[in-house]
Amino acid sequence: MDGDCRTVTIYAQALLLAVTRHLAATAAAAMDEKYQEISTKGAILAVSSCITVLAFGTLTPRELVALLERIASSLVPKRPNRSFARRSFTPQRKWGPNGKRRDCRAKSEPAAGCLP
């Protein structure tokens, strides 16, 4: 590994994400939650709050259980009336990378960039 600061930062972020996902999976198994329902952002915030203790110190079993409970308690919120949990009903933007979007339903022929 070279001394490039950006490379080291990317490796550090990848390591943080890997440790977080491992602890999220452990918390899901320990607390009888589904792994898919645990919020990644909440897990990253929980792990990053005690990352120095994890890296340089020893975490007591009591602190580890508290960390796992904090990770398991941060769940992805349920979104009612959605066929898929992450689907949004927000309207599309009027402007795209190719200019103003045209209404595909208003014309008999699809406009450029519109799906048939």
PDB file of N, CA and C in Angstrom:
ATOM      1  N   MET A   1       0.852  -1.172   0.000  1.00  0.00           N
ATOM      2  CA  MET A   1       0.000   0.000   0.000  1.00  0.00           C
ATOM      3  C   MET A   1       0.892   1.227   0.000  1.00  0.00           C
ATOM      4  N   ASP A   2       0.633   2.128  -0.946  1.00  0.00           N
ATOM      5  CA  ASP A   2       1.443   3.325  -1.024  1.00  0.00           C
ATOM      6  C   ASP A   2       0.976   4.357  -0.001  1.00  0.00           C
ATOM      7  N   GLY A   3       1.660   5.454   0.070  1.00  0.00           N
ATOM      8  CA  GLY A   3       1.363   6.468   1.072  1.00  0.00           C
ATOM      9  C   GLY A   3       0.318   7.473   0.656  1.00  0.00           C
ATOM     10  N   ASP A   4      -0.385   7.218  -0.425  1.00  0.00           N
ATOM     11  CA  ASP A   4      -1.398   8.153  -0.894  1.00  0.00           C
ATOM     12  C   ASP A   4      -2.509   8.265   0.141  1.00  0.00           C
ATOM     13  N   CYS A   5      -2.814   9.484   0.540  1.00  0.00           N
ATOM     14  CA  CYS A   5      -3.796   9.738   1.599  1.00  0.00           C
ATOM     15  C   CYS A   5      -5.195   9.279   1.188  1.00  0.00           C
ATOM     16  N   ARG A   6      -5.546   9.472  -0.101  1.00  0.00           N
ATOM     17  CA  ARG A   6      -6.877   9.071  -0.567  1.00  0.00           C
ATOM     18  C   ARG A   6      -7.052   7.554  -0.514  1.00  0.00           C
ATOM     19  N   THR A   7      -5.997   6.825  -0.846  1.00  0.00           N
ATOM     20  CA  THR A   7      -6.075   5.365  -0.816  1.00  0.00           C
ATOM     21  C   THR A   7      -6.271   4.873   0.607  1.00  0.00           C
ATOM     22  N   VAL A   8      -5.538   5.457   1.543  1.00  0.00           N
ATOM     23  CA  VAL A   8      -5.665   5.073   2.944  1.00  0.00           C
ATOM     24  C   VAL A   8      -7.068   5.393   3.460  1.00  0.00           C
ATOM     25  N   THR A   9      -7.618   6.527   3.059  1.00  0.00           N
ATOM     26  CA  THR A   9      -8.962   6.909   3.479  1.00  0.00           C
ATOM     27  C   THR A   9     -10.001   5.934   2.940  1.00  0.00           C
ATOM     28  N   ILE A  10      -9.850   5.524   1.696  1.00  0.00           N
ATOM     29  CA  ILE A  10     -10.795   4.562   1.111  1.00  0.00           C
ATOM     30  C   ILE A  10     -10.710   3.229   1.830  1.00  0.00           C
ATOM     31  N   TYR A  11      -9.498   2.780   2.135  1.00  0.00           N
ATOM     32  CA  TYR A  11      -9.347   1.530   2.877  1.00  0.00           C
ATOM     33  C   TYR A  11      -9.958   1.636   4.274  1.00  0.00           C
ATOM     34  N   ALA A  12      -9.790   2.780   4.921  1.00  0.00           N
ATOM     35  CA  ALA A  12     -10.355   2.975   6.261  1.00  0.00           C
ATOM     36  C   ALA A  12     -11.885   2.958   6.214  1.00  0.00           C
ATOM     37  N   GLN A  13     -12.464   3.587   5.200  1.00  0.00           N
ATOM     38  CA  GLN A  13     -13.925   3.573   5.067  1.00  0.00           C
ATOM     39  C   GLN A  13     -14.438   2.178   4.758  1.00  0.00           C
ATOM     40  N   ALA A  14     -13.715   1.445   3.915  1.00  0.00           N
ATOM     41  CA  ALA A  14     -14.125   0.067   3.607  1.00  0.00           C
ATOM     42  C   ALA A  14     -14.033  -0.821   4.848  1.00  0.00           C
ATOM     43  N   LEU A  15     -12.998  -0.616   5.655  1.00  0.00           N
ATOM     44  CA  LEU A  15     -12.858  -1.382   6.889  1.00  0.00           C
ATOM     45  C   LEU A  15     -13.968  -1.045   7.875  1.00  0.00           C
ATOM     46  N   LEU A  16     -14.308   0.248   8.005  1.00  0.00           N
ATOM     47  CA  LEU A  16     -15.403   0.651   8.888  1.00  0.00           C
ATOM     48  C   LEU A  16     -16.725   0.031   8.441  1.00  0.00           C
ATOM     49  N   LEU A  17     -16.982   0.028   7.141  1.00  0.00           N
ATOM     50  CA  LEU A  17     -18.212  -0.558   6.631  1.00  0.00           C
ATOM     51  C   LEU A  17     -18.248  -2.070   6.848  1.00  0.00           C
ATOM     52  N   ALA A  18     -17.114  -2.737   6.660  1.00  0.00           N
ATOM     53  CA  ALA A  18     -17.064  -4.184   6.870  1.00  0.00           C
ATOM     54  C   ALA A  18     -17.297  -4.541   8.345  1.00  0.00           C
ATOM     55  N   VAL A  19     -16.660  -3.797   9.248  1.00  0.00           N
ATOM     56  CA  VAL A  19     -16.860  -4.040  10.683  1.00  0.00           C
ATOM     57  C   VAL A  19     -18.305  -3.752  11.070  1.00  0.00           C
ATOM     58  N   THR A  20     -18.876  -2.681  10.510  1.00  0.00           N
ATOM     59  CA  THR A  20     -20.257  -2.319  10.814  1.00  0.00           C
ATOM     60  C   THR A  20     -21.223  -3.389  10.339  1.00  0.00           C
ATOM     61  N   ARG A  21     -21.036  -3.885   9.131  1.00  0.00           N
ATOM     62  CA  ARG A  21     -21.933  -4.924   8.603  1.00  0.00           C
ATOM     63  C   ARG A  21     -21.818  -6.217   9.397  1.00  0.00           C
ATOM     64  N   HIS A  22     -20.603  -6.539   9.829  1.00  0.00           N
ATOM     65  CA  HIS A  22     -20.429  -7.736  10.646  1.00  0.00           C
ATOM     66  C   HIS A  22     -21.145  -7.579  11.987  1.00  0.00           C
ATOM     67  N   LEU A  23     -20.982  -6.419  12.616  1.00  0.00           N
ATOM     68  CA  LEU A  23     -21.658  -6.191  13.887  1.00  0.00           C
ATOM     69  C   LEU A  23     -23.173  -6.091  13.710  1.00  0.00           C
ATOM     70  N   ALA A  24     -23.649  -5.562  12.573  1.00  0.00           N
ATOM     71  CA  ALA A  24     -25.089  -5.507  12.308  1.00  0.00           C
ATOM     72  C   ALA A  24     -25.658  -6.917  12.137  1.00  0.00           C
ATOM     73  N   ALA A  25     -24.926  -7.776  11.458  1.00  0.00           N
ATOM     74  CA  ALA A  25     -25.379  -9.164  11.305  1.00  0.00           C
ATOM     75  C   ALA A  25     -25.379  -9.882  12.652  1.00  0.00           C
ATOM     76  N   THR A  26     -24.373  -9.615  13.472  1.00  0.00           N
ATOM     77  CA  THR A  26     -24.317 -10.211  14.806  1.00  0.00           C
ATOM     78  C   THR A  26     -25.466  -9.700  15.672  1.00  0.00           C
ATOM     79  N   ALA A  27     -25.745  -8.403  15.585  1.00  0.00           N
ATOM     80  CA  ALA A  27     -26.848  -7.822  16.362  1.00  0.00           C
ATOM     81  C   ALA A  27     -28.185  -8.374  15.897  1.00  0.00           C
ATOM     82  N   ALA A  28     -28.354  -8.564  14.602  1.00  0.00           N
ATOM     83  CA  ALA A  28     -29.605  -9.115  14.079  1.00  0.00           C
ATOM     84  C   ALA A  28     -29.823 -10.541  14.576  1.00  0.00           C
ATOM     85  N   ALA A  29     -28.763 -11.322  14.588  1.00  0.00           N
ATOM     86  CA  ALA A  29     -28.887 -12.697  15.073  1.00  0.00           C
ATOM     87  C   ALA A  29     -29.119 -12.748  16.581  1.00  0.00           C
ATOM     88  N   ALA A  30     -28.450 -11.861  17.313  1.00  0.00           N
ATOM     89  CA  ALA A  30     -28.566 -11.884  18.770  1.00  0.00           C
ATOM     90  C   ALA A  30     -29.906 -11.347  19.255  1.00  0.00           C
ATOM     91  N   MET A  31     -30.461 -10.376  18.556  1.00  0.00           N
ATOM     92  CA  MET A  31     -31.695  -9.722  19.009  1.00  0.00           C
ATOM     93  C   MET A  31     -32.930 -10.175  18.244  1.00  0.00           C
ATOM     94  N   ASP A  32     -32.830 -11.222  17.459  1.00  0.00           N
ATOM     95  CA  ASP A  32     -33.944 -11.784  16.676  1.00  0.00           C
ATOM     96  C   ASP A  32     -34.588 -10.751  15.757  1.00  0.00           C
ATOM     97  N   GLU A  33     -33.760 -10.021  15.032  1.00  0.00           N
ATOM     98  CA  GLU A  33     -34.226  -9.066  14.020  1.00  0.00           C
ATOM     99  C   GLU A  33     -33.762  -9.557  12.660  1.00  0.00           C
ATOM    100  N   LYS A  34     -34.417  -9.070  11.609  1.00  0.00           N
ATOM    101  CA  LYS A  34     -33.960  -9.381  10.262  1.00  0.00           C
ATOM    102  C   LYS A  34     -32.814  -8.444   9.914  1.00  0.00           C
ATOM    103  N   TYR A  35     -31.789  -8.976   9.273  1.00  0.00           N
ATOM    104  CA  TYR A  35     -30.628  -8.169   8.902  1.00  0.00           C
ATOM    105  C   TYR A  35     -31.031  -7.050   7.940  1.00  0.00           C
ATOM    106  N   GLN A  36     -31.985  -7.320   7.052  1.00  0.00           N
ATOM    107  CA  GLN A  36     -32.407  -6.330   6.069  1.00  0.00           C
ATOM    108  C   GLN A  36     -33.123  -5.148   6.712  1.00  0.00           C
ATOM    109  N   GLU A  37     -33.674  -5.324   7.901  1.00  0.00           N
ATOM    110  CA  GLU A  37     -34.420  -4.261   8.563  1.00  0.00           C
ATOM    111  C   GLU A  37     -33.536  -3.334   9.398  1.00  0.00           C
ATOM    112  N   ILE A  38     -32.283  -3.687   9.593  1.00  0.00           N
ATOM    113  CA  ILE A  38     -31.376  -2.859  10.390  1.00  0.00           C
ATOM    114  C   ILE A  38     -30.855  -1.725   9.514  1.00  0.00           C
ATOM    115  N   SER A  39     -30.933  -0.508  10.039  1.00  0.00           N
ATOM    116  CA  SER A  39     -30.498   0.674   9.313  1.00  0.00           C
ATOM    117  C   SER A  39     -28.976   0.725   9.243  1.00  0.00           C
ATOM    118  N   THR A  40     -28.449   0.816   8.026  1.00  0.00           N
ATOM    119  CA  THR A  40     -27.001   0.888   7.860  1.00  0.00           C
ATOM    120  C   THR A  40     -26.456   2.179   8.451  1.00  0.00           C
ATOM    121  N   LYS A  41     -27.178   3.276   8.249  1.00  0.00           N
ATOM    122  CA  LYS A  41     -26.724   4.558   8.785  1.00  0.00           C
ATOM    123  C   LYS A  41     -26.690   4.527  10.312  1.00  0.00           C
ATOM    124  N   GLY A  42     -27.732   3.977  10.931  1.00  0.00           N
ATOM    125  CA  GLY A  42     -27.754   3.870  12.382  1.00  0.00           C
ATOM    126  C   GLY A  42     -26.643   2.983  12.914  1.00  0.00           C
ATOM    127  N   ALA A  43     -26.359   1.906  12.183  1.00  0.00           N
ATOM    128  CA  ALA A  43     -25.284   1.007  12.605  1.00  0.00           C
ATOM    129  C   ALA A  43     -23.927   1.686  12.478  1.00  0.00           C
ATOM    130  N   ILE A  44     -23.711   2.435  11.409  1.00  0.00           N
ATOM    131  CA  ILE A  44     -22.440   3.136  11.237  1.00  0.00           C
ATOM    132  C   ILE A  44     -22.256   4.180  12.334  1.00  0.00           C
ATOM    133  N   LEU A  45     -23.324   4.906  12.673  1.00  0.00           N
ATOM    134  CA  LEU A  45     -23.218   5.898  13.744  1.00  0.00           C
ATOM    135  C   LEU A  45     -22.922   5.239  15.093  1.00  0.00           C
ATOM    136  N   ALA A  46     -23.537   4.079  15.347  1.00  0.00           N
ATOM    137  CA  ALA A  46     -23.296   3.388  16.613  1.00  0.00           C
ATOM    138  C   ALA A  46     -21.861   2.868  16.698  1.00  0.00           C
ATOM    139  N   VAL A  47     -21.370   2.287  15.607  1.00  0.00           N
ATOM    140  CA  VAL A  47     -20.016   1.734  15.614  1.00  0.00           C
ATOM    141  C   VAL A  47     -18.986   2.859  15.653  1.00  0.00           C
ATOM    142  N   SER A  48     -19.222   3.938  14.910  1.00  0.00           N
ATOM    143  CA  SER A  48     -18.232   5.008  14.890  1.00  0.00           C
ATOM    144  C   SER A  48     -18.146   5.754  16.226  1.00  0.00           C
ATOM    145  N   SER A  49     -19.207   5.662  17.037  1.00  0.00           N
ATOM    146  CA  SER A  49     -19.138   6.317  18.342  1.00  0.00           C
ATOM    147  C   SER A  49     -18.195   5.595  19.296  1.00  0.00           C
ATOM    148  N   CYS A  50     -17.932   4.332  19.047  1.00  0.00           N
ATOM    149  CA  CYS A  50     -17.016   3.600  19.938  1.00  0.00           C
ATOM    150  C   CYS A  50     -15.904   2.911  19.151  1.00  0.00           C
ATOM    151  N   ILE A  51     -15.547   3.471  17.988  1.00  0.00           N
ATOM    152  CA  ILE A  51     -14.534   2.829  17.143  1.00  0.00           C
ATOM    153  C   ILE A  51     -13.148   2.847  17.783  1.00  0.00           C
ATOM    154  N   THR A  52     -12.824   3.888  18.540  1.00  0.00           N
ATOM    155  CA  THR A  52     -11.495   3.923  19.161  1.00  0.00           C
ATOM    156  C   THR A  52     -11.362   2.860  20.235  1.00  0.00           C
ATOM    157  N   VAL A  53     -12.444   2.604  20.961  1.00  0.00           N
ATOM    158  CA  VAL A  53     -12.397   1.538  21.973  1.00  0.00           C
ATOM    159  C   VAL A  53     -12.279   0.187  21.286  1.00  0.00           C
ATOM    160  N   LEU A  54     -12.982   0.021  20.160  1.00  0.00           N
ATOM    161  CA  LEU A  54     -12.887  -1.233  19.418  1.00  0.00           C
ATOM    162  C   LEU A  54     -11.487  -1.444  18.853  1.00  0.00           C
ATOM    163  N   ALA A  55     -10.848  -0.369  18.402  1.00  0.00           N
ATOM    164  CA  ALA A  55      -9.545  -0.498  17.763  1.00  0.00           C
ATOM    165  C   ALA A  55      -8.393  -0.603  18.756  1.00  0.00           C
ATOM    166  N   PHE A  56      -8.420   0.203  19.813  1.00  0.00           N
ATOM    167  CA  PHE A  56      -7.247   0.282  20.686  1.00  0.00           C
ATOM    168  C   PHE A  56      -7.461  -0.250  22.092  1.00  0.00           C
ATOM    169  N   GLY A  57      -8.678  -0.434  22.492  1.00  0.00           N
ATOM    170  CA  GLY A  57      -8.937  -0.878  23.851  1.00  0.00           C
ATOM    171  C   GLY A  57      -9.660  -2.212  23.861  1.00  0.00           C
ATOM    172  N   THR A  58     -10.143  -2.529  25.024  1.00  0.00           N
ATOM    173  CA  THR A  58     -10.921  -3.753  25.151  1.00  0.00           C
ATOM    174  C   THR A  58     -12.349  -3.366  25.504  1.00  0.00           C
ATOM    175  N   LEU A  59     -13.269  -3.945  24.806  1.00  0.00           N
ATOM    176  CA  LEU A  59     -14.675  -3.688  25.026  1.00  0.00           C
ATOM    177  C   LEU A  59     -15.192  -4.734  26.007  1.00  0.00           C
ATOM    178  N   THR A  60     -15.768  -4.289  27.099  1.00  0.00           N
ATOM    179  CA  THR A  60     -16.306  -5.232  28.076  1.00  0.00           C
ATOM    180  C   THR A  60     -17.542  -5.899  27.491  1.00  0.00           C
ATOM    181  N   PRO A  61     -17.889  -7.080  27.968  1.00  0.00           N
ATOM    182  CA  PRO A  61     -19.088  -7.741  27.452  1.00  0.00           C
ATOM    183  C   PRO A  61     -20.348  -6.892  27.622  1.00  0.00           C
ATOM    184  N   ARG A  62     -20.408  -6.126  28.701  1.00  0.00           N
ATOM    185  CA  ARG A  62     -21.572  -5.266  28.932  1.00  0.00           C
ATOM    186  C   ARG A  62     -21.658  -4.163  27.867  1.00  0.00           C
ATOM    187  N   GLU A  63     -20.500  -3.573  27.534  1.00  0.00           N
ATOM    188  CA  GLU A  63     -20.477  -2.544  26.495  1.00  0.00           C
ATOM    189  C   GLU A  63     -20.785  -3.121  25.118  1.00  0.00           C
ATOM    190  N   LEU A  64     -20.313  -4.347  24.863  1.00  0.00           N
ATOM    191  CA  LEU A  64     -20.594  -4.991  23.588  1.00  0.00           C
ATOM    192  C   LEU A  64     -22.086  -5.277  23.427  1.00  0.00           C
ATOM    193  N   VAL A  65     -22.733  -5.747  24.492  1.00  0.00           N
ATOM    194  CA  VAL A  65     -24.175  -5.992  24.448  1.00  0.00           C
ATOM    195  C   VAL A  65     -24.926  -4.684  24.234  1.00  0.00           C
ATOM    196  N   ALA A  66     -24.478  -3.616  24.888  1.00  0.00           N
ATOM    197  CA  ALA A  66     -25.115  -2.310  24.704  1.00  0.00           C
ATOM    198  C   ALA A  66     -24.956  -1.820  23.259  1.00  0.00           C
ATOM    199  N   LEU A  67     -23.786  -2.059  22.671  1.00  0.00           N
ATOM    200  CA  LEU A  67     -23.568  -1.676  21.279  1.00  0.00           C
ATOM    201  C   LEU A  67     -24.469  -2.478  20.345  1.00  0.00           C
ATOM    202  N   LEU A  68     -24.567  -3.775  20.572  1.00  0.00           N
ATOM    203  CA  LEU A  68     -25.429  -4.610  19.730  1.00  0.00           C
ATOM    204  C   LEU A  68     -26.898  -4.230  19.871  1.00  0.00           C
ATOM    205  N   GLU A  69     -27.317  -3.876  21.094  1.00  0.00           N
ATOM    206  CA  GLU A  69     -28.699  -3.431  21.295  1.00  0.00           C
ATOM    207  C   GLU A  69     -28.956  -2.101  20.585  1.00  0.00           C
ATOM    208  N   ARG A  70     -27.962  -1.216  20.616  1.00  0.00           N
ATOM    209  CA  ARG A  70     -28.132   0.068  19.925  1.00  0.00           C
ATOM    210  C   ARG A  70     -28.228  -0.136  18.416  1.00  0.00           C
ATOM    211  N   ILE A  71     -27.421  -1.042  17.871  1.00  0.00           N
ATOM    212  CA  ILE A  71     -27.479  -1.322  16.438  1.00  0.00           C
ATOM    213  C   ILE A  71     -28.818  -1.952  16.078  1.00  0.00           C
ATOM    214  N   ALA A  72     -29.265  -2.907  16.886  1.00  0.00           N
ATOM    215  CA  ALA A  72     -30.519  -3.602  16.591  1.00  0.00           C
ATOM    216  C   ALA A  72     -31.735  -2.701  16.770  1.00  0.00           C
ATOM    217  N   SER A  73     -31.607  -1.647  17.568  1.00  0.00           N
ATOM    218  CA  SER A  73     -32.749  -0.762  17.779  1.00  0.00           C
ATOM    219  C   SER A  73     -32.920   0.255  16.664  1.00  0.00           C
ATOM    220  N   SER A  74     -31.895   0.449  15.852  1.00  0.00           N
ATOM    221  CA  SER A  74     -32.003   1.404  14.742  1.00  0.00           C
ATOM    222  C   SER A  74     -32.459   0.659  13.491  1.00  0.00           C
ATOM    223  N   LEU A  75     -33.768   0.600  13.313  1.00  0.00           N
ATOM    224  CA  LEU A  75     -34.349  -0.127  12.194  1.00  0.00           C
ATOM    225  C   LEU A  75     -34.762   0.839  11.086  1.00  0.00           C
ATOM    226  N   VAL A  76     -34.845   0.310   9.884  1.00  0.00           N
ATOM    227  CA  VAL A  76     -35.340   1.086   8.758  1.00  0.00           C
ATOM    228  C   VAL A  76     -36.826   1.315   8.989  1.00  0.00           C
ATOM    229  N   PRO A  77     -37.301   2.568   8.916  1.00  0.00           N
ATOM    230  CA  PRO A  77     -38.723   2.815   9.189  1.00  0.00           C
ATOM    231  C   PRO A  77     -39.619   2.179   8.130  1.00  0.00           C
ATOM    232  N   LYS A  78     -40.754   1.689   8.579  1.00  0.00           N
ATOM    233  CA  LYS A  78     -41.737   1.110   7.665  1.00  0.00           C
ATOM    234  C   LYS A  78     -42.386   2.226   6.876  1.00  0.00           C
ATOM    235  N   ARG A  79     -42.570   2.024   5.594  1.00  0.00           N
ATOM    236  CA  ARG A  79     -43.212   3.013   4.731  1.00  0.00           C
ATOM    237  C   ARG A  79     -44.541   2.431   4.280  1.00  0.00           C
ATOM    238  N   PRO A  80     -45.628   2.979   4.774  1.00  0.00           N
ATOM    239  CA  PRO A  80     -46.932   2.399   4.475  1.00  0.00           C
ATOM    240  C   PRO A  80     -47.328   2.593   3.005  1.00  0.00           C
ATOM    241  N   ASN A  81     -48.198   1.686   2.547  1.00  0.00           N
ATOM    242  CA  ASN A  81     -48.769   1.734   1.196  1.00  0.00           C
ATOM    243  C   ASN A  81     -47.709   1.683   0.104  1.00  0.00           C
ATOM    244  N   ARG A  82     -46.670   0.923   0.300  1.00  0.00           N
ATOM    245  CA  ARG A  82     -45.636   0.756  -0.721  1.00  0.00           C
ATOM    246  C   ARG A  82     -45.574  -0.718  -1.097  1.00  0.00           C
ATOM    247  N   SER A  83     -45.469  -0.996  -2.379  1.00  0.00           N
ATOM    248  CA  SER A  83     -45.289  -2.377  -2.800  1.00  0.00           C
ATOM    249  C   SER A  83     -43.851  -2.823  -2.554  1.00  0.00           C
ATOM    250  N   PHE A  84     -42.940  -1.855  -2.522  1.00  0.00           N
ATOM    251  CA  PHE A  84     -41.543  -2.121  -2.227  1.00  0.00           C
ATOM    252  C   PHE A  84     -41.119  -1.105  -1.176  1.00  0.00           C
ATOM    253  N   ALA A  85     -40.376  -1.529  -0.190  1.00  0.00           N
ATOM    254  CA  ALA A  85     -40.088  -0.695   0.976  1.00  0.00           C
ATOM    255  C   ALA A  85     -39.364   0.601   0.630  1.00  0.00           C
ATOM    256  N   ARG A  86     -38.564   0.615  -0.410  1.00  0.00           N
ATOM    257  CA  ARG A  86     -37.765   1.796  -0.739  1.00  0.00           C
ATOM    258  C   ARG A  86     -38.379   2.635  -1.863  1.00  0.00           C
ATOM    259  N   ARG A  87     -39.547   2.278  -2.378  1.00  0.00           N
ATOM    260  CA  ARG A  87     -40.153   3.023  -3.480  1.00  0.00           C
ATOM    261  C   ARG A  87     -40.668   4.360  -2.986  1.00  0.00           C
ATOM    262  N   SER A  88     -40.426   5.386  -3.759  1.00  0.00           N
ATOM    263  CA  SER A  88     -40.871   6.722  -3.402  1.00  0.00           C
ATOM    264  C   SER A  88     -41.964   7.167  -4.362  1.00  0.00           C
ATOM    265  N   PHE A  89     -42.921   7.917  -3.841  1.00  0.00           N
ATOM    266  CA  PHE A  89     -43.980   8.462  -4.673  1.00  0.00           C
ATOM    267  C   PHE A  89     -43.682   9.902  -5.091  1.00  0.00           C
ATOM    268  N   THR A  90     -42.467  10.363  -4.873  1.00  0.00           N
ATOM    269  CA  THR A  90     -42.092  11.713  -5.243  1.00  0.00           C
ATOM    270  C   THR A  90     -42.101  11.838  -6.767  1.00  0.00           C
ATOM    271  N   PRO A  91     -42.677  12.905  -7.308  1.00  0.00           N
ATOM    272  CA  PRO A  91     -42.680  13.056  -8.766  1.00  0.00           C
ATOM    273  C   PRO A  91     -41.272  13.220  -9.318  1.00  0.00           C
ATOM    274  N   GLN A  92     -41.106  12.873 -10.587  1.00  0.00           N
ATOM    275  CA  GLN A  92     -39.801  13.026 -11.210  1.00  0.00           C
ATOM    276  C   GLN A  92     -39.482  14.496 -11.410  1.00  0.00           C
ATOM    277  N   ARG A  93     -38.198  14.789 -11.494  1.00  0.00           N
ATOM    278  CA  ARG A  93     -37.766  16.154 -11.735  1.00  0.00           C
ATOM    279  C   ARG A  93     -38.124  16.577 -13.160  1.00  0.00           C
ATOM    280  N   LYS A  94     -38.285  17.871 -13.354  1.00  0.00           N
ATOM    281  CA  LYS A  94     -38.637  18.384 -14.677  1.00  0.00           C
ATOM    282  C   LYS A  94     -37.431  18.438 -15.599  1.00  0.00           C
ATOM    283  N   TRP A  95     -36.252  18.513 -15.024  1.00  0.00           N
ATOM    284  CA  TRP A  95     -35.051  18.637 -15.828  1.00  0.00           C
ATOM    285  C   TRP A  95     -34.174  17.421 -15.621  1.00  0.00           C
ATOM    286  N   GLY A  96     -33.626  16.892 -16.704  1.00  0.00           N
ATOM    287  CA  GLY A  96     -32.719  15.760 -16.666  1.00  0.00           C
ATOM    288  C   GLY A  96     -31.395  16.134 -17.292  1.00  0.00           C
ATOM    289  N   PRO A  97     -30.500  15.179 -17.487  1.00  0.00           N
ATOM    290  CA  PRO A  97     -29.194  15.500 -18.063  1.00  0.00           C
ATOM    291  C   PRO A  97     -29.272  15.958 -19.515  1.00  0.00           C
ATOM    292  N   ASN A  98     -30.363  15.616 -20.228  1.00  0.00           N
ATOM    293  CA  ASN A  98     -30.517  16.006 -21.633  1.00  0.00           C
ATOM    294  C   ASN A  98     -31.457  17.194 -21.811  1.00  0.00           C
ATOM    295  N   GLY A  99     -31.762  17.910 -20.760  1.00  0.00           N
ATOM    296  CA  GLY A  99     -32.658  19.045 -20.861  1.00  0.00           C
ATOM    297  C   GLY A  99     -33.988  18.744 -20.207  1.00  0.00           C
ATOM    298  N   LYS A 100     -34.995  19.521 -20.595  1.00  0.00           N
ATOM    299  CA  LYS A 100     -36.311  19.368 -19.983  1.00  0.00           C
ATOM    300  C   LYS A 100     -36.949  18.057 -20.421  1.00  0.00           C
ATOM    301  N   ARG A 101     -37.512  17.337 -19.452  1.00  0.00           N
ATOM    302  CA  ARG A 101     -38.191  16.076 -19.760  1.00  0.00           C
ATOM    303  C   ARG A 101     -39.540  16.377 -20.390  1.00  0.00           C
ATOM    304  N   ARG A 102     -39.919  15.539 -21.346  1.00  0.00           N
ATOM    305  CA  ARG A 102     -41.214  15.688 -21.986  1.00  0.00           C
ATOM    306  C   ARG A 102     -42.178  14.678 -21.390  1.00  0.00           C
ATOM    307  N   ASP A 103     -43.431  15.005 -21.393  1.00  0.00           N
ATOM    308  CA  ASP A 103     -44.450  14.098 -20.882  1.00  0.00           C
ATOM    309  C   ASP A 103     -44.686  12.996 -21.906  1.00  0.00           C
ATOM    310  N   CYS A 104     -44.340  11.771 -21.583  1.00  0.00           N
ATOM    311  CA  CYS A 104     -44.444  10.645 -22.516  1.00  0.00           C
ATOM    312  C   CYS A 104     -45.900  10.271 -22.790  1.00  0.00           C
ATOM    313  N   ARG A 105     -46.795  10.538 -21.866  1.00  0.00           N
ATOM    314  CA  ARG A 105     -48.179  10.109 -22.032  1.00  0.00           C
ATOM    315  C   ARG A 105     -48.975  11.072 -22.903  1.00  0.00           C
ATOM    316  N   ALA A 106     -48.502  12.312 -23.062  1.00  0.00           N
ATOM    317  CA  ALA A 106     -49.286  13.330 -23.775  1.00  0.00           C
ATOM    318  C   ALA A 106     -49.198  13.177 -25.286  1.00  0.00           C
ATOM    319  N   LYS A 107     -48.173  12.529 -25.801  1.00  0.00           N
ATOM    320  CA  LYS A 107     -47.987  12.441 -27.248  1.00  0.00           C
ATOM    321  C   LYS A 107     -48.182  11.009 -27.715  1.00  0.00           C
ATOM    322  N   SER A 108     -48.512  10.859 -28.980  1.00  0.00           N
ATOM    323  CA  SER A 108     -48.695   9.514 -29.520  1.00  0.00           C
ATOM    324  C   SER A 108     -47.356   8.822 -29.719  1.00  0.00           C
ATOM    325  N   GLU A 109     -46.319   9.602 -30.070  1.00  0.00           N
ATOM    326  CA  GLU A 109     -44.981   9.063 -30.217  1.00  0.00           C
ATOM    327  C   GLU A 109     -44.167   9.377 -28.976  1.00  0.00           C
ATOM    328  N   PRO A 110     -43.385   8.419 -28.492  1.00  0.00           N
ATOM    329  CA  PRO A 110     -42.572   8.720 -27.316  1.00  0.00           C
ATOM    330  C   PRO A 110     -41.517   9.760 -27.630  1.00  0.00           C
ATOM    331  N   ALA A 111     -41.311  10.668 -26.718  1.00  0.00           N
ATOM    332  CA  ALA A 111     -40.290  11.693 -26.885  1.00  0.00           C
ATOM    333  C   ALA A 111     -38.926  11.081 -26.660  1.00  0.00           C
ATOM    334  N   ALA A 112     -37.882  11.802 -27.069  1.00  0.00           N
ATOM    335  CA  ALA A 112     -36.535  11.317 -26.880  1.00  0.00           C
ATOM    336  C   ALA A 112     -36.240  11.137 -25.398  1.00  0.00           C
ATOM    337  N   GLY A 113     -35.739   9.986 -25.036  1.00  0.00           N
ATOM    338  CA  GLY A 113     -35.416   9.712 -23.649  1.00  0.00           C
ATOM    339  C   GLY A 113     -36.558   9.094 -22.856  1.00  0.00           C
ATOM    340  N   CYS A 114     -37.744   8.959 -23.459  1.00  0.00           N
ATOM    341  CA  CYS A 114     -38.897   8.364 -22.768  1.00  0.00           C
ATOM    342  C   CYS A 114     -39.012   6.898 -23.165  1.00  0.00           C
ATOM    343  N   LEU A 115     -39.426   6.107 -22.232  1.00  0.00           N
ATOM    344  CA  LEU A 115     -39.630   4.697 -22.524  1.00  0.00           C
ATOM    345  C   LEU A 115     -40.977   4.507 -23.229  1.00  0.00           C
ATOM    346  N   PRO A 116     -41.060   3.559 -24.161  1.00  0.00           N
ATOM    347  CA  PRO A 116     -42.351   3.339 -24.852  1.00  0.00           C
ATOM    348  C   PRO A 116     -43.396   2.773 -23.939  1.00  0.00           C
TER     349      PRO A 116
END
